Every structure is written in C-alpha cells, then in structure tokens.
C-alpha cells in the first residue's frame, strides 16, 4: 500500500539526486565548453601554421584537430545526457507530488 510517508521518502531521494544533478550539469557544461575551445584553438593553430590556399589550410586544420573535436563532442554528449537525466528526475518529482496529493486527498 502506498502511504504518504513512502511517497515523501521517495521525494526526498529524488530531491537529493536533483541537487547532485545541478552540480554535475554545471561541471559538465564547463568541461564541454573548455573542450570546444581547445578543439577550436587546435584547429586555428594548424590553420595558421599551414601553407597553401584557404581550402587546403581548412582541410588540414580539420584533419589535424579531429581528436580534439571528437573529445569535445563526447564532452557535449555527457552534458546533454546529464541534462536529460535531470529532466527525468524533475518529471518523477512532479509525479510523486501529484501522487502524494492524491493519497492525502483520499485519506481526508
């Protein structure tokens, strides 16, 4: 049987997870931004150090900075995954609050 106390307990757990998620999201966003800046910097350095026409220099810059761009994509994906998880936790929190209200209303 679902009781108000069991729902409150679940709400407490979800609230703690949401608090952790907020910090994780910030950290992951900073990491993703830094990785993107590093990737762009690596590409720019190769572009400036390479000779040839503009298209050749762009192609060389893309090729030689693939690893940095790949890492930036991975970091951005981790950030997006954390945001999605936090959104699911928020939805779970709302569902639990609605359940609590319903159970309290039935008991009254």
Protein backbone atom coordinates (compact mmCIF):
# COMPACT_ATOMS: atom_id res chain seq x y z
CA UNK A 1 0.00 0.00 0.00
CA UNK A 2 1.24 3.45 -0.90
CA UNK A 3 1.36 5.77 2.08
CA UNK A 4 2.14 9.48 2.27
CA UNK A 5 5.32 8.65 4.19
CA UNK A 6 6.57 6.28 1.48
CA UNK A 7 5.95 8.94 -1.16
CA UNK A 8 7.71 11.58 0.95
CA UNK A 9 10.65 9.21 1.29
CA UNK A 10 10.83 8.82 -2.49
CA UNK A 11 10.51 12.59 -2.92
CA UNK A 12 13.44 13.09 -0.55
CA UNK A 13 15.60 10.69 -2.57
CA UNK A 14 14.65 12.34 -5.88
CA UNK A 15 15.35 15.77 -4.38
CA UNK A 16 18.85 14.68 -3.33
CA UNK A 17 19.52 13.33 -6.82
CA UNK A 18 18.32 16.59 -8.37
CA UNK A 19 20.67 18.57 -6.14
CA UNK A 20 23.58 16.39 -7.28
CA UNK A 21 22.46 16.72 -10.90
CA UNK A 22 22.56 20.52 -10.76
CA UNK A 23 26.22 20.48 -9.73
CA UNK A 24 27.10 17.77 -12.23
CA UNK A 25 25.40 19.66 -15.05
CA UNK A 26 27.40 22.79 -14.27
CA UNK A 27 30.68 20.86 -14.14
CA UNK A 28 29.92 19.02 -17.38
CA UNK A 29 28.92 22.22 -19.15
CA UNK A 30 32.18 23.89 -18.17
CA UNK A 31 34.14 20.83 -19.31
CA UNK A 32 32.29 20.75 -22.64
CA UNK A 33 32.91 24.46 -23.25
CA UNK A 34 36.59 24.08 -22.43
CA UNK A 35 36.90 21.09 -24.78
CA UNK A 36 35.25 23.05 -27.59
CA UNK A 37 37.63 25.96 -27.03
CA UNK A 38 40.62 23.60 -27.07
CA UNK A 39 39.39 21.99 -30.28
CA UNK A 40 38.91 25.36 -31.95
CA UNK A 41 42.30 26.53 -30.74
CA UNK A 42 43.99 23.39 -32.11
CA UNK A 43 42.27 23.90 -35.44
CA UNK A 44 43.24 27.58 -35.56
CA UNK A 45 46.89 26.82 -34.76
CA UNK A 46 47.13 24.28 -37.58
CA UNK A 47 45.37 26.66 -39.97
CA UNK A 48 47.82 29.46 -39.19
CA UNK A 49 50.88 27.20 -39.39
CA UNK A 50 49.90 25.60 -42.71
CA UNK A 51 50.70 26.97 -46.14
CA UNK A 52 48.54 26.75 -49.23
CA UNK A 53 45.23 28.15 -50.29
CA UNK A 54 42.40 28.70 -47.83
CA UNK A 55 40.57 25.44 -48.60
CA UNK A 56 43.74 23.37 -48.20
CA UNK A 57 44.51 25.07 -44.90
CA UNK A 58 40.96 24.49 -43.63
CA UNK A 59 41.12 20.82 -44.63
CA UNK A 60 44.48 20.36 -42.91
CA UNK A 61 43.21 22.11 -39.78
CA UNK A 62 40.13 19.83 -39.66
CA UNK A 63 42.21 16.72 -40.19
CA UNK A 64 44.84 17.52 -37.59
CA UNK A 65 42.34 18.55 -34.92
CA UNK A 66 39.97 15.59 -35.28
CA UNK A 67 40.92 14.13 -31.92
CA UNK A 68 40.25 17.38 -30.07
CA UNK A 69 36.92 17.84 -31.86
CA UNK A 70 35.99 14.23 -31.05
CA UNK A 71 36.68 14.80 -27.37
CA UNK A 72 34.59 17.97 -27.46
CA UNK A 73 31.67 16.04 -28.96
CA UNK A 74 31.96 13.39 -26.24
CA UNK A 75 32.01 16.04 -23.51
CA UNK A 76 28.97 17.79 -25.02
CA UNK A 77 27.12 14.44 -25.16
CA UNK A 78 27.86 13.83 -21.46
CA UNK A 79 26.49 17.28 -20.63
CA UNK A 80 23.33 16.66 -22.68
CA UNK A 81 22.87 13.23 -21.07
CA UNK A 82 23.07 14.79 -17.59
CA UNK A 83 20.52 17.44 -18.54
CA UNK A 84 18.16 14.75 -19.82
CA UNK A 85 18.55 12.74 -16.63
CA UNK A 86 17.79 15.84 -14.55
CA UNK A 87 14.67 16.48 -16.62
CA UNK A 88 13.50 12.92 -15.96
CA UNK A 89 14.12 13.42 -12.24
CA UNK A 90 12.05 16.62 -12.32
CA UNK A 91 9.21 14.76 -14.01
CA UNK A 92 9.47 11.98 -11.42
CA UNK A 93 9.35 14.59 -8.67
CA UNK A 94 6.19 16.13 -10.14
CA UNK A 95 4.60 12.67 -10.48
CA UNK A 96 5.39 11.89 -6.85
CA UNK A 97 3.99 15.22 -5.67
CA UNK A 98 0.77 14.55 -7.58
CA UNK A 99 0.61 11.07 -6.06
CA UNK A 100 1.14 12.48 -2.58
CA UNK A 101 -1.63 15.00 -3.09
CA UNK A 102 -3.93 12.26 -4.36
CA UNK A 103 -3.17 9.92 -1.45
CA UNK A 104 -3.64 12.73 1.07
CA UNK A 105 -6.94 13.71 -0.58
CA UNK A 106 -8.19 10.11 -0.44
CA UNK A 107 -7.28 9.87 3.24
CA UNK A 108 -9.06 13.09 4.16
